[in-house]
Amino acid sequence: MPTVFRRSPAARVPRRRARLPWWAVALPVISFVALLALVAGSSRASAAGVPQSLGPLLEILARIVRSGA
């Protein structure tokens, strides 16, 4: 039993290729280069100190965790 396959008129229309704007390619490249520069330049990085206002809060949280509450 032969089957006839018919395409819809929309399928016959040739599709146009969508072109990306220049900034859609440039922005990811710039972001990647900036992150790579940050990672590569972090050899001299040191840990930041805890601000004075957070010290007491962290001590209280440590006591709560130790007590099991």
C-alpha atoms as a PDB file:
ATOM      1  CA  MET A   1       0.000   0.000   0.000  1.00  0.00           C
ATOM      2  CA  PRO A   2       1.836   3.150  -1.171  1.00  0.00           C
ATOM      3  CA  THR A   3       1.876   6.160   1.100  1.00  0.00           C
ATOM      4  CA  VAL A   4       1.935   9.635  -0.379  1.00  0.00           C
ATOM      5  CA  PHE A   5       3.980  12.131   1.594  1.00  0.00           C
ATOM      6  CA  ARG A   6       3.079  15.765   1.055  1.00  0.00           C
ATOM      7  CA  ARG A   7       4.948  18.663   2.522  1.00  0.00           C
ATOM      8  CA  SER A   8       3.199  21.679   3.855  1.00  0.00           C
ATOM      9  CA  PRO A   9       3.708  24.945   1.937  1.00  0.00           C
ATOM     10  CA  ALA A  10       5.714  26.334   4.853  1.00  0.00           C
ATOM     11  CA  ALA A  11       8.242  23.515   4.555  1.00  0.00           C
ATOM     12  CA  ARG A  12       8.953  24.337   0.912  1.00  0.00           C
ATOM     13  CA  VAL A  13      10.089  27.877   1.630  1.00  0.00           C
ATOM     14  CA  PRO A  14      13.893  28.063   1.782  1.00  0.00           C
ATOM     15  CA  ARG A  15      15.070  29.111   5.210  1.00  0.00           C
ATOM     16  CA  ARG A  16      17.277  32.144   5.634  1.00  0.00           C
ATOM     17  CA  ARG A  17      20.322  31.868   7.818  1.00  0.00           C
ATOM     18  CA  ALA A  18      20.158  34.106  10.821  1.00  0.00           C
ATOM     19  CA  ARG A  19      23.281  36.198  11.294  1.00  0.00           C
ATOM     20  CA  LEU A  20      24.479  37.151  14.736  1.00  0.00           C
ATOM     21  CA  PRO A  21      25.251  40.778  15.461  1.00  0.00           C
ATOM     22  CA  TRP A  22      28.926  41.565  16.102  1.00  0.00           C
ATOM     23  CA  TRP A  23      28.371  42.153  19.819  1.00  0.00           C
ATOM     24  CA  ALA A  24      26.814  38.693  20.291  1.00  0.00           C
ATOM     25  CA  VAL A  25      30.217  37.215  19.501  1.00  0.00           C
ATOM     26  CA  ALA A  26      32.373  39.967  21.020  1.00  0.00           C
ATOM     27  CA  LEU A  27      30.804  40.021  24.498  1.00  0.00           C
ATOM     28  CA  PRO A  28      31.478  36.359  25.381  1.00  0.00           C
ATOM     29  CA  VAL A  29      35.035  36.700  24.066  1.00  0.00           C
ATOM     30  CA  ILE A  30      35.650  39.823  26.145  1.00  0.00           C
ATOM     31  CA  SER A  31      34.149  38.146  29.222  1.00  0.00           C
ATOM     32  CA  PHE A  32      36.311  35.070  28.771  1.00  0.00           C
ATOM     33  CA  VAL A  33      39.477  37.145  28.361  1.00  0.00           C
ATOM     34  CA  ALA A  34      38.634  39.237  31.430  1.00  0.00           C
ATOM     35  CA  LEU A  35      38.044  36.146  33.589  1.00  0.00           C
ATOM     36  CA  LEU A  36      41.203  34.534  32.263  1.00  0.00           C
ATOM     37  CA  ALA A  37      43.168  37.660  33.177  1.00  0.00           C
ATOM     38  CA  LEU A  38      41.701  37.595  36.691  1.00  0.00           C
ATOM     39  CA  VAL A  39      42.616  33.959  37.200  1.00  0.00           C
ATOM     40  CA  ALA A  40      46.098  34.368  35.735  1.00  0.00           C
ATOM     41  CA  GLY A  41      46.788  37.466  37.828  1.00  0.00           C
ATOM     42  CA  SER A  42      45.684  35.918  41.110  1.00  0.00           C
ATOM     43  CA  SER A  43      49.109  34.489  41.969  1.00  0.00           C
ATOM     44  CA  ARG A  44      49.764  37.422  44.292  1.00  0.00           C
ATOM     45  CA  ALA A  45      46.312  37.343  45.861  1.00  0.00           C
ATOM     46  CA  SER A  46      45.935  36.941  49.598  1.00  0.00           C
ATOM     47  CA  ALA A  47      42.973  36.151  51.782  1.00  0.00           C
ATOM     48  CA  ALA A  48      40.939  39.117  52.879  1.00  0.00           C
ATOM     49  CA  GLY A  49      40.456  39.762  56.569  1.00  0.00           C
ATOM     50  CA  VAL A  50      37.068  39.473  58.190  1.00  0.00           C
ATOM     51  CA  PRO A  51      35.495  42.883  58.808  1.00  0.00           C
ATOM     52  CA  GLN A  52      35.224  43.800  62.489  1.00  0.00           C
ATOM     53  CA  SER A  53      31.430  43.781  62.439  1.00  0.00           C
ATOM     54  CA  LEU A  54      31.283  40.164  61.277  1.00  0.00           C
ATOM     55  CA  GLY A  55      33.680  38.780  63.890  1.00  0.00           C
ATOM     56  CA  PRO A  56      31.250  38.727  66.832  1.00  0.00           C
ATOM     57  CA  LEU A  57      28.457  37.406  64.634  1.00  0.00           C
ATOM     58  CA  LEU A  58      30.618  34.521  63.449  1.00  0.00           C
ATOM     59  CA  GLU A  59      31.576  33.705  67.049  1.00  0.00           C
ATOM     60  CA  ILE A  60      27.909  33.546  68.053  1.00  0.00           C
ATOM     61  CA  LEU A  61      27.119  31.288  65.109  1.00  0.00           C
ATOM     62  CA  ALA A  62      30.045  29.022  66.000  1.00  0.00           C
ATOM     63  CA  ARG A  63      28.758  28.695  69.567  1.00  0.00           C
ATOM     64  CA  ILE A  64      25.285  27.826  68.303  1.00  0.00           C
ATOM     65  CA  VAL A  65      26.663  25.154  65.985  1.00  0.00           C
ATOM     66  CA  ARG A  66      28.870  23.672  68.733  1.00  0.00           C
ATOM     67  CA  SER A  67      26.009  23.502  71.206  1.00  0.00           C
ATOM     68  CA  GLY A  68      23.853  21.614  68.674  1.00  0.00           C
ATOM     69  CA  ALA A  69      20.886  23.958  68.883  1.00  0.00           C
END
